[in-house]
Amino acid sequence: MKYLCLVYSDEQVLHASSDSPQDAECMAYAESVQGSGRMLAAEALESVQTATTVRMRGGKLSITDGPFAETKEQLAGFYLIDAKDLNEAIQVAGNIPAARVGSIEVRPVRELNP
């Protein structure tokens, strides 16, 4: 089953805390998950300040710079993995280096019905 592990962190803390993972550690972890055969995709995201939020309301397109909601934690990246069950997905998520300074939301990917 596919699971999306969404990495959330306060951008101010993500790179400033003594517990913050360095890029090399994150890349090494991604390579280890890839080597286990569970990795489908993983990417880090640019700052939330580079985000654009798009909405379609009443047939009109609305574009807003930045994130949709003001929150203390922002989406920093993701891992799309293949795991046998939620417990295995949680084990993968718990070892994501950024979990030390943020949080990882684990969600099953829903198959769309044609």
PDB file of N, CA and C in Angstrom:
ATOM      1  N   MET A   1       0.843  -1.177   0.000  1.00  0.00           N
ATOM      2  CA  MET A   1       0.000   0.000   0.000  1.00  0.00           C
ATOM      3  C   MET A   1       0.891   1.245   0.000  1.00  0.00           C
ATOM      4  N   LYS A   2       0.442   2.272  -0.681  1.00  0.00           N
ATOM      5  CA  LYS A   2       1.193   3.524  -0.727  1.00  0.00           C
ATOM      6  C   LYS A   2       0.812   4.422   0.443  1.00  0.00           C
ATOM      7  N   TYR A   3       1.834   5.058   1.018  1.00  0.00           N
ATOM      8  CA  TYR A   3       1.640   6.038   2.091  1.00  0.00           C
ATOM      9  C   TYR A   3       2.430   7.289   1.753  1.00  0.00           C
ATOM     10  N   LEU A   4       1.831   8.432   2.047  1.00  0.00           N
ATOM     11  CA  LEU A   4       2.520   9.699   1.895  1.00  0.00           C
ATOM     12  C   LEU A   4       2.926  10.180   3.275  1.00  0.00           C
ATOM     13  N   CYS A   5       4.211  10.408   3.462  1.00  0.00           N
ATOM     14  CA  CYS A   5       4.744  10.920   4.720  1.00  0.00           C
ATOM     15  C   CYS A   5       5.060  12.389   4.501  1.00  0.00           C
ATOM     16  N   LEU A   6       4.227  13.259   5.045  1.00  0.00           N
ATOM     17  CA  LEU A   6       4.385  14.699   4.878  1.00  0.00           C
ATOM     18  C   LEU A   6       5.225  15.247   6.027  1.00  0.00           C
ATOM     19  N   VAL A   7       6.297  15.926   5.683  1.00  0.00           N
ATOM     20  CA  VAL A   7       7.233  16.453   6.667  1.00  0.00           C
ATOM     21  C   VAL A   7       6.854  17.903   6.966  1.00  0.00           C
ATOM     22  N   TYR A   8       6.514  18.178   8.226  1.00  0.00           N
ATOM     23  CA  TYR A   8       6.166  19.530   8.649  1.00  0.00           C
ATOM     24  C   TYR A   8       7.189  20.024   9.659  1.00  0.00           C
ATOM     25  N   SER A   9       7.541  21.287   9.549  1.00  0.00           N
ATOM     26  CA  SER A   9       8.472  21.873  10.497  1.00  0.00           C
ATOM     27  C   SER A   9       8.330  23.378  10.472  1.00  0.00           C
ATOM     28  N   ASP A  10       8.647  23.996  11.580  1.00  0.00           N
ATOM     29  CA  ASP A  10       8.753  25.446  11.632  1.00  0.00           C
ATOM     30  C   ASP A  10      10.024  25.799  10.872  1.00  0.00           C
ATOM     31  N   GLU A  11       9.898  26.545   9.788  1.00  0.00           N
ATOM     32  CA  GLU A  11      11.071  26.863   8.963  1.00  0.00           C
ATOM     33  C   GLU A  11      12.177  27.552   9.751  1.00  0.00           C
ATOM     34  N   GLN A  12      11.811  28.305  10.774  1.00  0.00           N
ATOM     35  CA  GLN A  12      12.814  28.995  11.587  1.00  0.00           C
ATOM     36  C   GLN A  12      13.623  27.996  12.414  1.00  0.00           C
ATOM     37  N   VAL A  13      13.003  26.886  12.778  1.00  0.00           N
ATOM     38  CA  VAL A  13      13.661  25.877  13.608  1.00  0.00           C
ATOM     39  C   VAL A  13      14.353  24.815  12.763  1.00  0.00           C
ATOM     40  N   LEU A  14      13.772  24.520  11.605  1.00  0.00           N
ATOM     41  CA  LEU A  14      14.247  23.416  10.778  1.00  0.00           C
ATOM     42  C   LEU A  14      15.746  23.461  10.517  1.00  0.00           C
ATOM     43  N   HIS A  15      16.288  24.644  10.275  1.00  0.00           N
ATOM     44  CA  HIS A  15      17.710  24.739   9.952  1.00  0.00           C
ATOM     45  C   HIS A  15      18.523  25.428  11.045  1.00  0.00           C
ATOM     46  N   ALA A  16      17.877  25.756  12.169  1.00  0.00           N
ATOM     47  CA  ALA A  16      18.581  26.501  13.216  1.00  0.00           C
ATOM     48  C   ALA A  16      18.801  25.708  14.502  1.00  0.00           C
ATOM     49  N   SER A  17      18.009  24.688  14.725  1.00  0.00           N
ATOM     50  CA  SER A  17      18.110  23.907  15.960  1.00  0.00           C
ATOM     51  C   SER A  17      19.359  23.024  15.930  1.00  0.00           C
ATOM     52  N   SER A  18      19.912  22.773  17.107  1.00  0.00           N
ATOM     53  CA  SER A  18      21.074  21.877  17.175  1.00  0.00           C
ATOM     54  C   SER A  18      20.692  20.457  16.783  1.00  0.00           C
ATOM     55  N   ASP A  19      19.410  20.129  16.825  1.00  0.00           N
ATOM     56  CA  ASP A  19      18.924  18.806  16.423  1.00  0.00           C
ATOM     57  C   ASP A  19      18.568  18.740  14.939  1.00  0.00           C
ATOM     58  N   SER A  20      18.675  19.866  14.235  1.00  0.00           N
ATOM     59  CA  SER A  20      18.285  19.921  12.827  1.00  0.00           C
ATOM     60  C   SER A  20      19.142  18.996  11.975  1.00  0.00           C
ATOM     61  N   PRO A  21      18.502  18.220  11.106  1.00  0.00           N
ATOM     62  CA  PRO A  21      19.278  17.365  10.209  1.00  0.00           C
ATOM     63  C   PRO A  21      19.916  18.189   9.098  1.00  0.00           C
ATOM     64  N   GLN A  22      21.087  17.775   8.685  1.00  0.00           N
ATOM     65  CA  GLN A  22      21.754  18.394   7.548  1.00  0.00           C
ATOM     66  C   GLN A  22      21.294  17.677   6.269  1.00  0.00           C
ATOM     67  N   ASP A  23      21.469  18.334   5.121  1.00  0.00           N
ATOM     68  CA  ASP A  23      21.038  17.741   3.853  1.00  0.00           C
ATOM     69  C   ASP A  23      21.651  16.364   3.629  1.00  0.00           C
ATOM     70  N   ALA A  24      22.921  16.192   3.975  1.00  0.00           N
ATOM     71  CA  ALA A  24      23.596  14.908   3.748  1.00  0.00           C
ATOM     72  C   ALA A  24      22.914  13.787   4.533  1.00  0.00           C
ATOM     73  N   GLU A  25      22.472  14.078   5.765  1.00  0.00           N
ATOM     74  CA  GLU A  25      21.775  13.067   6.566  1.00  0.00           C
ATOM     75  C   GLU A  25      20.435  12.711   5.932  1.00  0.00           C
ATOM     76  N   CYS A  26      19.723  13.714   5.455  1.00  0.00           N
ATOM     77  CA  CYS A  26      18.426  13.473   4.806  1.00  0.00           C
ATOM     78  C   CYS A  26      18.595  12.655   3.532  1.00  0.00           C
ATOM     79  N   MET A  27      19.615  12.979   2.764  1.00  0.00           N
ATOM     80  CA  MET A  27      19.878  12.232   1.529  1.00  0.00           C
ATOM     81  C   MET A  27      20.265  10.789   1.845  1.00  0.00           C
ATOM     82  N   ALA A  28      21.076  10.587   2.881  1.00  0.00           N
ATOM     83  CA  ALA A  28      21.482   9.232   3.268  1.00  0.00           C
ATOM     84  C   ALA A  28      20.268   8.415   3.710  1.00  0.00           C
ATOM     85  N   TYR A  29      19.350   9.054   4.464  1.00  0.00           N
ATOM     86  CA  TYR A  29      18.147   8.336   4.888  1.00  0.00           C
ATOM     87  C   TYR A  29      17.289   7.971   3.676  1.00  0.00           C
ATOM     88  N   ALA A  30      17.105   8.910   2.766  1.00  0.00           N
ATOM     89  CA  ALA A  30      16.315   8.632   1.562  1.00  0.00           C
ATOM     90  C   ALA A  30      16.938   7.484   0.762  1.00  0.00           C
ATOM     91  N   GLU A  31      18.258   7.464   0.681  1.00  0.00           N
ATOM     92  CA  GLU A  31      18.937   6.370  -0.025  1.00  0.00           C
ATOM     93  C   GLU A  31      18.720   5.038   0.685  1.00  0.00           C
ATOM     94  N   SER A  32      18.675   5.051   2.025  1.00  0.00           N
ATOM     95  CA  SER A  32      18.447   3.803   2.753  1.00  0.00           C
ATOM     96  C   SER A  32      17.030   3.282   2.527  1.00  0.00           C
ATOM     97  N   VAL A  33      16.054   4.193   2.478  1.00  0.00           N
ATOM     98  CA  VAL A  33      14.676   3.777   2.205  1.00  0.00           C
ATOM     99  C   VAL A  33      14.578   3.287   0.756  1.00  0.00           C
ATOM    100  N   GLN A  34      15.276   3.962  -0.147  1.00  0.00           N
ATOM    101  CA  GLN A  34      15.310   3.530  -1.548  1.00  0.00           C
ATOM    102  C   GLN A  34      15.893   2.124  -1.637  1.00  0.00           C
ATOM    103  N   GLY A  35      16.979   1.886  -0.924  1.00  0.00           N
ATOM    104  CA  GLY A  35      17.626   0.583  -0.926  1.00  0.00           C
ATOM    105  C   GLY A  35      16.750  -0.521  -0.362  1.00  0.00           C
ATOM    106  N   SER A  36      15.819  -0.183   0.516  1.00  0.00           N
ATOM    107  CA  SER A  36      14.920  -1.178   1.092  1.00  0.00           C
ATOM    108  C   SER A  36      13.796  -1.552   0.131  1.00  0.00           C
ATOM    109  N   GLY A  37      13.677  -0.803  -0.969  1.00  0.00           N
ATOM    110  CA  GLY A  37      12.619  -1.070  -1.938  1.00  0.00           C
ATOM    111  C   GLY A  37      11.301  -0.392  -1.616  1.00  0.00           C
ATOM    112  N   ARG A  38      11.254   0.425  -0.565  1.00  0.00           N
ATOM    113  CA  ARG A  38       9.997   1.073  -0.163  1.00  0.00           C
ATOM    114  C   ARG A  38       9.803   2.451  -0.771  1.00  0.00           C
ATOM    115  N   MET A  39      10.865   3.096  -1.249  1.00  0.00           N
ATOM    116  CA  MET A  39      10.774   4.477  -1.732  1.00  0.00           C
ATOM    117  C   MET A  39      10.145   4.540  -3.123  1.00  0.00           C
ATOM    118  N   LEU A  40       9.130   5.359  -3.239  1.00  0.00           N
ATOM    119  CA  LEU A  40       8.538   5.647  -4.539  1.00  0.00           C
ATOM    120  C   LEU A  40       8.954   7.035  -5.012  1.00  0.00           C
ATOM    121  N   ALA A  41       9.052   7.990  -4.075  1.00  0.00           N
ATOM    122  CA  ALA A  41       9.497   9.346  -4.397  1.00  0.00           C
ATOM    123  C   ALA A  41       9.769  10.079  -3.093  1.00  0.00           C
ATOM    124  N   ALA A  42      10.636  11.074  -3.155  1.00  0.00           N
ATOM    125  CA  ALA A  42      10.903  11.934  -1.996  1.00  0.00           C
ATOM    126  C   ALA A  42      11.487  13.237  -2.507  1.00  0.00           C
ATOM    127  N   GLU A  43      11.056  14.331  -1.917  1.00  0.00           N
ATOM    128  CA  GLU A  43      11.567  15.642  -2.295  1.00  0.00           C
ATOM    129  C   GLU A  43      11.483  16.591  -1.115  1.00  0.00           C
ATOM    130  N   ALA A  44      12.445  17.481  -1.034  1.00  0.00           N
ATOM    131  CA  ALA A  44      12.384  18.605  -0.101  1.00  0.00           C
ATOM    132  C   ALA A  44      11.754  19.768  -0.856  1.00  0.00           C
ATOM    133  N   LEU A  45      11.080  20.631  -0.148  1.00  0.00           N
ATOM    134  CA  LEU A  45      10.421  21.773  -0.784  1.00  0.00           C
ATOM    135  C   LEU A  45      11.150  23.065  -0.442  1.00  0.00           C
ATOM    136  N   GLU A  46      11.043  24.028  -1.334  1.00  0.00           N
ATOM    137  CA  GLU A  46      11.568  25.364  -1.072  1.00  0.00           C
ATOM    138  C   GLU A  46      10.743  26.006   0.041  1.00  0.00           C
ATOM    139  N   SER A  47      11.177  27.132   0.525  1.00  0.00           N
ATOM    140  CA  SER A  47      10.503  27.849   1.602  1.00  0.00           C
ATOM    141  C   SER A  47       9.032  28.092   1.288  1.00  0.00           C
ATOM    142  N   VAL A  48       8.224  28.125   2.331  1.00  0.00           N
ATOM    143  CA  VAL A  48       6.805  28.410   2.182  1.00  0.00           C
ATOM    144  C   VAL A  48       6.592  29.785   1.542  1.00  0.00           C
ATOM    145  N   GLN A  49       7.560  30.665   1.658  1.00  0.00           N
ATOM    146  CA  GLN A  49       7.453  31.995   1.041  1.00  0.00           C
ATOM    147  C   GLN A  49       7.394  31.913  -0.482  1.00  0.00           C
ATOM    148  N   THR A  50       7.826  30.792  -1.075  1.00  0.00           N
ATOM    149  CA  THR A  50       7.790  30.628  -2.530  1.00  0.00           C
ATOM    150  C   THR A  50       6.501  29.980  -3.004  1.00  0.00           C
ATOM    151  N   ALA A  51       5.608  29.622  -2.060  1.00  0.00           N
ATOM    152  CA  ALA A  51       4.372  28.920  -2.407  1.00  0.00           C
ATOM    153  C   ALA A  51       3.373  29.843  -3.101  1.00  0.00           C
ATOM    154  N   THR A  52       2.549  29.251  -3.922  1.00  0.00           N
ATOM    155  CA  THR A  52       1.410  29.924  -4.533  1.00  0.00           C
ATOM    156  C   THR A  52       0.188  29.059  -4.275  1.00  0.00           C
ATOM    157  N   THR A  53      -0.863  29.644  -3.745  1.00  0.00           N
ATOM    158  CA  THR A  53      -2.096  28.915  -3.481  1.00  0.00           C
ATOM    159  C   THR A  53      -3.096  29.252  -4.575  1.00  0.00           C
ATOM    160  N   VAL A  54      -3.683  28.215  -5.163  1.00  0.00           N
ATOM    161  CA  VAL A  54      -4.622  28.368  -6.273  1.00  0.00           C
ATOM    162  C   VAL A  54      -5.987  27.849  -5.828  1.00  0.00           C
ATOM    163  N   ARG A  55      -7.037  28.641  -6.102  1.00  0.00           N
ATOM    164  CA  ARG A  55      -8.405  28.238  -5.803  1.00  0.00           C
ATOM    165  C   ARG A  55      -9.273  28.524  -7.027  1.00  0.00           C
ATOM    166  N   MET A  56     -10.272  27.692  -7.214  1.00  0.00           N
ATOM    167  CA  MET A  56     -11.278  27.941  -8.240  1.00  0.00           C
ATOM    168  C   MET A  56     -12.610  28.053  -7.513  1.00  0.00           C
ATOM    169  N   ARG A  57     -13.209  29.217  -7.560  1.00  0.00           N
ATOM    170  CA  ARG A  57     -14.485  29.464  -6.881  1.00  0.00           C
ATOM    171  C   ARG A  57     -15.440  30.121  -7.875  1.00  0.00           C
ATOM    172  N   GLY A  58     -16.581  29.503  -8.047  1.00  0.00           N
ATOM    173  CA  GLY A  58     -17.592  30.067  -8.946  1.00  0.00           C
ATOM    174  C   GLY A  58     -17.057  30.282 -10.347  1.00  0.00           C
ATOM    175  N   GLY A  59     -16.185  29.404 -10.789  1.00  0.00           N
ATOM    176  CA  GLY A  59     -15.621  29.511 -12.129  1.00  0.00           C
ATOM    177  C   GLY A  59     -14.509  30.535 -12.260  1.00  0.00           C
ATOM    178  N   LYS A  60     -14.104  31.160 -11.170  1.00  0.00           N
ATOM    179  CA  LYS A  60     -13.046  32.161 -11.207  1.00  0.00           C
ATOM    180  C   LYS A  60     -11.806  31.655 -10.496  1.00  0.00           C
ATOM    181  N   LEU A  61     -10.683  31.854 -11.142  1.00  0.00           N
ATOM    182  CA  LEU A  61      -9.401  31.437 -10.594  1.00  0.00           C
ATOM    183  C   LEU A  61      -8.848  32.529  -9.683  1.00  0.00           C
ATOM    184  N   SER A  62      -8.436  32.116  -8.491  1.00  0.00           N
ATOM    185  CA  SER A  62      -7.844  33.028  -7.526  1.00  0.00           C
ATOM    186  C   SER A  62      -6.455  32.508  -7.176  1.00  0.00           C
ATOM    187  N   ILE A  63      -5.473  33.398  -7.220  1.00  0.00           N
ATOM    188  CA  ILE A  63      -4.094  33.021  -6.917  1.00  0.00           C
ATOM    189  C   ILE A  63      -3.601  33.912  -5.784  1.00  0.00           C
ATOM    190  N   THR A  64      -3.031  33.268  -4.750  1.00  0.00           N
ATOM    191  CA  THR A  64      -2.499  33.985  -3.601  1.00  0.00           C
ATOM    192  C   THR A  64      -1.053  33.564  -3.380  1.00  0.00           C
ATOM    193  N   ASP A  65      -0.182  34.524  -3.175  1.00  0.00           N
ATOM    194  CA  ASP A  65       1.199  34.190  -2.842  1.00  0.00           C
ATOM    195  C   ASP A  65       1.244  33.632  -1.435  1.00  0.00           C
ATOM    196  N   GLY A  66       2.076  32.639  -1.246  1.00  0.00           N
ATOM    197  CA  GLY A  66       2.260  32.061   0.082  1.00  0.00           C
ATOM    198  C   GLY A  66       1.301  30.929   0.355  1.00  0.00           C
ATOM    199  N   PRO A  67       1.378  30.385   1.560  1.00  0.00           N
ATOM    200  CA  PRO A  67       0.537  29.243   1.917  1.00  0.00           C
ATOM    201  C   PRO A  67      -0.902  29.662   2.177  1.00  0.00           C
ATOM    202  N   PHE A  68      -1.787  28.685   2.198  1.00  0.00           N
ATOM    203  CA  PHE A  68      -3.205  28.929   2.435  1.00  0.00           C
ATOM    204  C   PHE A  68      -3.462  29.382   3.867  1.00  0.00           C
ATOM    205  N   ALA A  69      -2.796  28.733   4.818  1.00  0.00           N
ATOM    206  CA  ALA A  69      -3.060  29.029   6.230  1.00  0.00           C
ATOM    207  C   ALA A  69      -1.792  29.495   6.922  1.00  0.00           C
ATOM    208  N   GLU A  70      -1.966  30.372   7.871  1.00  0.00           N
ATOM    209  CA  GLU A  70      -0.848  30.788   8.724  1.00  0.00           C
ATOM    210  C   GLU A  70      -0.732  29.756   9.837  1.00  0.00           C
ATOM    211  N   THR A  71       0.357  29.037   9.853  1.00  0.00           N
ATOM    212  CA  THR A  71       0.567  28.012  10.868  1.00  0.00           C
ATOM    213  C   THR A  71       1.991  28.106  11.392  1.00  0.00           C
ATOM    214  N   LYS A  72       2.244  27.456  12.520  1.00  0.00           N
ATOM    215  CA  LYS A  72       3.588  27.445  13.076  1.00  0.00           C
ATOM    216  C   LYS A  72       4.488  26.483  12.324  1.00  0.00           C
ATOM    217  N   GLU A  73       3.901  25.432  11.748  1.00  0.00           N
ATOM    218  CA  GLU A  73       4.684  24.475  10.976  1.00  0.00           C
ATOM    219  C   GLU A  73       4.248  24.517   9.518  1.00  0.00           C
ATOM    220  N   GLN A  74       5.238  24.397   8.642  1.00  0.00           N
ATOM    221  CA  GLN A  74       4.967  24.423   7.217  1.00  0.00           C
ATOM    222  C   GLN A  74       5.388  23.097   6.592  1.00  0.00           C
ATOM    223  N   LEU A  75       4.790  22.779   5.452  1.00  0.00           N
ATOM    224  CA  LEU A  75       5.162  21.584   4.708  1.00  0.00           C
ATOM    225  C   LEU A  75       6.564  21.784   4.154  1.00  0.00           C
ATOM    226  N   ALA A  76       7.481  20.919   4.550  1.00  0.00           N
ATOM    227  CA  ALA A  76       8.885  21.057   4.159  1.00  0.00           C
ATOM    228  C   ALA A  76       9.301  20.042   3.101  1.00  0.00           C
ATOM    229  N   GLY A  77       8.566  18.950   2.987  1.00  0.00           N
ATOM    230  CA  GLY A  77       8.917  17.917   2.023  1.00  0.00           C
ATOM    231  C   GLY A  77       8.020  16.710   2.198  1.00  0.00           C
ATOM    232  N   PHE A  78       8.336  15.662   1.430  1.00  0.00           N
ATOM    233  CA  PHE A  78       7.517  14.453   1.507  1.00  0.00           C
ATOM    234  C   PHE A  78       8.312  13.233   1.096  1.00  0.00           C
ATOM    235  N   TYR A  79       7.835  12.094   1.557  1.00  0.00           N
ATOM    236  CA  TYR A  79       8.296  10.788   1.112  1.00  0.00           C
ATOM    237  C   TYR A  79       7.053  10.026   0.682  1.00  0.00           C
ATOM    238  N   LEU A  80       7.043   9.481  -0.506  1.00  0.00           N
ATOM    239  CA  LEU A  80       5.977   8.589  -0.956  1.00  0.00           C
ATOM    240  C   LEU A  80       6.568   7.193  -0.901  1.00  0.00           C
ATOM    241  N   ILE A  81       5.988   6.359  -0.036  1.00  0.00           N
ATOM    242  CA  ILE A  81       6.576   5.044   0.185  1.00  0.00           C
ATOM    243  C   ILE A  81       5.560   3.939  -0.084  1.00  0.00           C
ATOM    244  N   ASP A  82       6.064   2.742  -0.227  1.00  0.00           N
ATOM    245  CA  ASP A  82       5.243   1.548  -0.336  1.00  0.00           C
ATOM    246  C   ASP A  82       5.517   0.741   0.921  1.00  0.00           C
ATOM    247  N   ALA A  83       4.497   0.509   1.722  1.00  0.00           N
ATOM    248  CA  ALA A  83       4.654  -0.224   2.977  1.00  0.00           C
ATOM    249  C   ALA A  83       3.551  -1.268   3.074  1.00  0.00           C
ATOM    250  N   LYS A  84       3.833  -2.350   3.801  1.00  0.00           N
ATOM    251  CA  LYS A  84       2.832  -3.421   3.894  1.00  0.00           C
ATOM    252  C   LYS A  84       1.616  -2.997   4.701  1.00  0.00           C
ATOM    253  N   ASP A  85       1.823  -2.067   5.671  1.00  0.00           N
ATOM    254  CA  ASP A  85       0.707  -1.598   6.487  1.00  0.00           C
ATOM    255  C   ASP A  85       1.104  -0.289   7.171  1.00  0.00           C
ATOM    256  N   LEU A  86       0.165   0.261   7.935  1.00  0.00           N
ATOM    257  CA  LEU A  86       0.397   1.530   8.617  1.00  0.00           C
ATOM    258  C   LEU A  86       1.562   1.427   9.599  1.00  0.00           C
ATOM    259  N   ASN A  87       1.684   0.318  10.277  1.00  0.00           N
ATOM    260  CA  ASN A  87       2.782   0.163  11.240  1.00  0.00           C
ATOM    261  C   ASN A  87       4.142   0.285  10.563  1.00  0.00           C
ATOM    262  N   GLU A  88       4.298  -0.338   9.409  1.00  0.00           N
ATOM    263  CA  GLU A  88       5.571  -0.230   8.690  1.00  0.00           C
ATOM    264  C   GLU A  88       5.786   1.210   8.212  1.00  0.00           C
ATOM    265  N   ALA A  89       4.729   1.865   7.754  1.00  0.00           N
ATOM    266  CA  ALA A  89       4.839   3.254   7.310  1.00  0.00           C
ATOM    267  C   ALA A  89       5.244   4.157   8.468  1.00  0.00           C
ATOM    268  N   ILE A  90       4.704   3.896   9.656  1.00  0.00           N
ATOM    269  CA  ILE A  90       5.057   4.681  10.839  1.00  0.00           C
ATOM    270  C   ILE A  90       6.522   4.485  11.197  1.00  0.00           C
ATOM    271  N   GLN A  91       7.033   3.273  11.045  1.00  0.00           N
ATOM    272  CA  GLN A  91       8.444   3.015  11.331  1.00  0.00           C
ATOM    273  C   GLN A  91       9.337   3.815  10.384  1.00  0.00           C
ATOM    274  N   VAL A  92       8.974   3.843   9.110  1.00  0.00           N
ATOM    275  CA  VAL A  92       9.738   4.635   8.140  1.00  0.00           C
ATOM    276  C   VAL A  92       9.663   6.111   8.513  1.00  0.00           C
ATOM    277  N   ALA A  93       8.463   6.598   8.803  1.00  0.00           N
ATOM    278  CA  ALA A  93       8.267   8.016   9.132  1.00  0.00           C
ATOM    279  C   ALA A  93       9.013   8.412  10.398  1.00  0.00           C
ATOM    280  N   GLY A  94       9.034   7.544  11.376  1.00  0.00           N
ATOM    281  CA  GLY A  94       9.695   7.858  12.636  1.00  0.00           C
ATOM    282  C   GLY A  94      11.193   8.036  12.508  1.00  0.00           C
ATOM    283  N   ASN A  95      11.762   7.477  11.454  1.00  0.00           N
ATOM    284  CA  ASN A  95      13.204   7.597  11.234  1.00  0.00           C
ATOM    285  C   ASN A  95      13.587   8.721  10.286  1.00  0.00           C
ATOM    286  N   ILE A  96      12.605   9.443   9.758  1.00  0.00           N
ATOM    287  CA  ILE A  96      12.920  10.588   8.902  1.00  0.00           C
ATOM    288  C   ILE A  96      13.627  11.616   9.779  1.00  0.00           C
ATOM    289  N   PRO A  97      14.825  12.050   9.393  1.00  0.00           N
ATOM    290  CA  PRO A  97      15.603  12.949  10.248  1.00  0.00           C
ATOM    291  C   PRO A  97      14.857  14.195  10.716  1.00  0.00           C
ATOM    292  N   ALA A  98      14.019  14.770   9.881  1.00  0.00           N
ATOM    293  CA  ALA A  98      13.308  15.996  10.248  1.00  0.00           C
ATOM    294  C   ALA A  98      12.267  15.759  11.337  1.00  0.00           C
ATOM    295  N   ALA A  99      11.944  14.517  11.652  1.00  0.00           N
ATOM    296  CA  ALA A  99      10.992  14.237  12.726  1.00  0.00           C
ATOM    297  C   ALA A  99      11.526  14.730  14.071  1.00  0.00           C
ATOM    298  N   ARG A 100      12.848  14.905  14.178  1.00  0.00           N
ATOM    299  CA  ARG A 100      13.442  15.392  15.431  1.00  0.00           C
ATOM    300  C   ARG A 100      13.087  16.840  15.712  1.00  0.00           C
ATOM    301  N   VAL A 101      12.799  17.620  14.672  1.00  0.00           N
ATOM    302  CA  VAL A 101      12.511  19.052  14.871  1.00  0.00           C
ATOM    303  C   VAL A 101      11.132  19.453  14.349  1.00  0.00           C
ATOM    304  N   GLY A 102      10.391  18.495  13.850  1.00  0.00           N
ATOM    305  CA  GLY A 102       9.070  18.789  13.306  1.00  0.00           C
ATOM    306  C   GLY A 102       8.154  17.609  13.522  1.00  0.00           C
ATOM    307  N   SER A 103       7.268  17.383  12.577  1.00  0.00           N
ATOM    308  CA  SER A 103       6.348  16.254  12.663  1.00  0.00           C
ATOM    309  C   SER A 103       6.184  15.644  11.278  1.00  0.00           C
ATOM    310  N   ILE A 104       5.783  14.379  11.275  1.00  0.00           N
ATOM    311  CA  ILE A 104       5.544  13.664  10.026  1.00  0.00           C
ATOM    312  C   ILE A 104       4.099  13.189  10.042  1.00  0.00           C
ATOM    313  N   GLU A 105       3.337  13.629   9.068  1.00  0.00           N
ATOM    314  CA  GLU A 105       1.956  13.159   8.917  1.00  0.00           C
ATOM    315  C   GLU A 105       1.984  11.977   7.948  1.00  0.00           C
ATOM    316  N   VAL A 106       1.451  10.843   8.375  1.00  0.00           N
ATOM    317  CA  VAL A 106       1.418   9.633   7.546  1.00  0.00           C
ATOM    318  C   VAL A 106      -0.010   9.405   7.092  1.00  0.00           C
ATOM    319  N   ARG A 107      -0.191   9.359   5.762  1.00  0.00           N
ATOM    320  CA  ARG A 107      -1.543   9.164   5.228  1.00  0.00           C
ATOM    321  C   ARG A 107      -1.524   8.143   4.109  1.00  0.00           C
ATOM    322  N   PRO A 108      -2.495   7.204   4.136  1.00  0.00           N
ATOM    323  CA  PRO A 108      -2.595   6.264   3.029  1.00  0.00           C
ATOM    324  C   PRO A 108      -3.010   7.016   1.759  1.00  0.00           C
ATOM    325  N   VAL A 109      -2.496   6.565   0.645  1.00  0.00           N
ATOM    326  CA  VAL A 109      -2.885   7.129  -0.653  1.00  0.00           C
ATOM    327  C   VAL A 109      -4.164   6.415  -1.096  1.00  0.00           C
ATOM    328  N   ARG A 110      -5.163   7.189  -1.431  1.00  0.00           N
ATOM    329  CA  ARG A 110      -6.445   6.632  -1.855  1.00  0.00           C
ATOM    330  C   ARG A 110      -6.422   6.373  -3.353  1.00  0.00           C
ATOM    331  N   GLU A 111      -6.827   5.179  -3.728  1.00  0.00           N
ATOM    332  CA  GLU A 111      -6.944   4.850  -5.127  1.00  0.00           C
ATOM    333  C   GLU A 111      -8.216   5.503  -5.682  1.00  0.00           C
ATOM    334  N   LEU A 112      -8.092   6.182  -6.817  1.00  0.00           N
ATOM    335  CA  LEU A 112      -9.272   6.792  -7.431  1.00  0.00           C
ATOM    336  C   LEU A 112     -10.018   5.749  -8.253  1.00  0.00           C
ATOM    337  N   ASN A 113     -11.334   5.772  -8.169  1.00  0.00           N
ATOM    338  CA  ASN A 113     -12.153   4.848  -8.950  1.00  0.00           C
ATOM    339  C   ASN A 113     -12.476   5.496 -10.291  1.00  0.00           C
ATOM    340  N   PRO A 114     -12.170   4.790 -11.385  1.00  0.00           N
ATOM    341  CA  PRO A 114     -12.457   5.371 -12.716  1.00  0.00           C
ATOM    342  C   PRO A 114     -13.928   5.523 -12.992  1.00  0.00           C
TER     343      PRO A 114
END
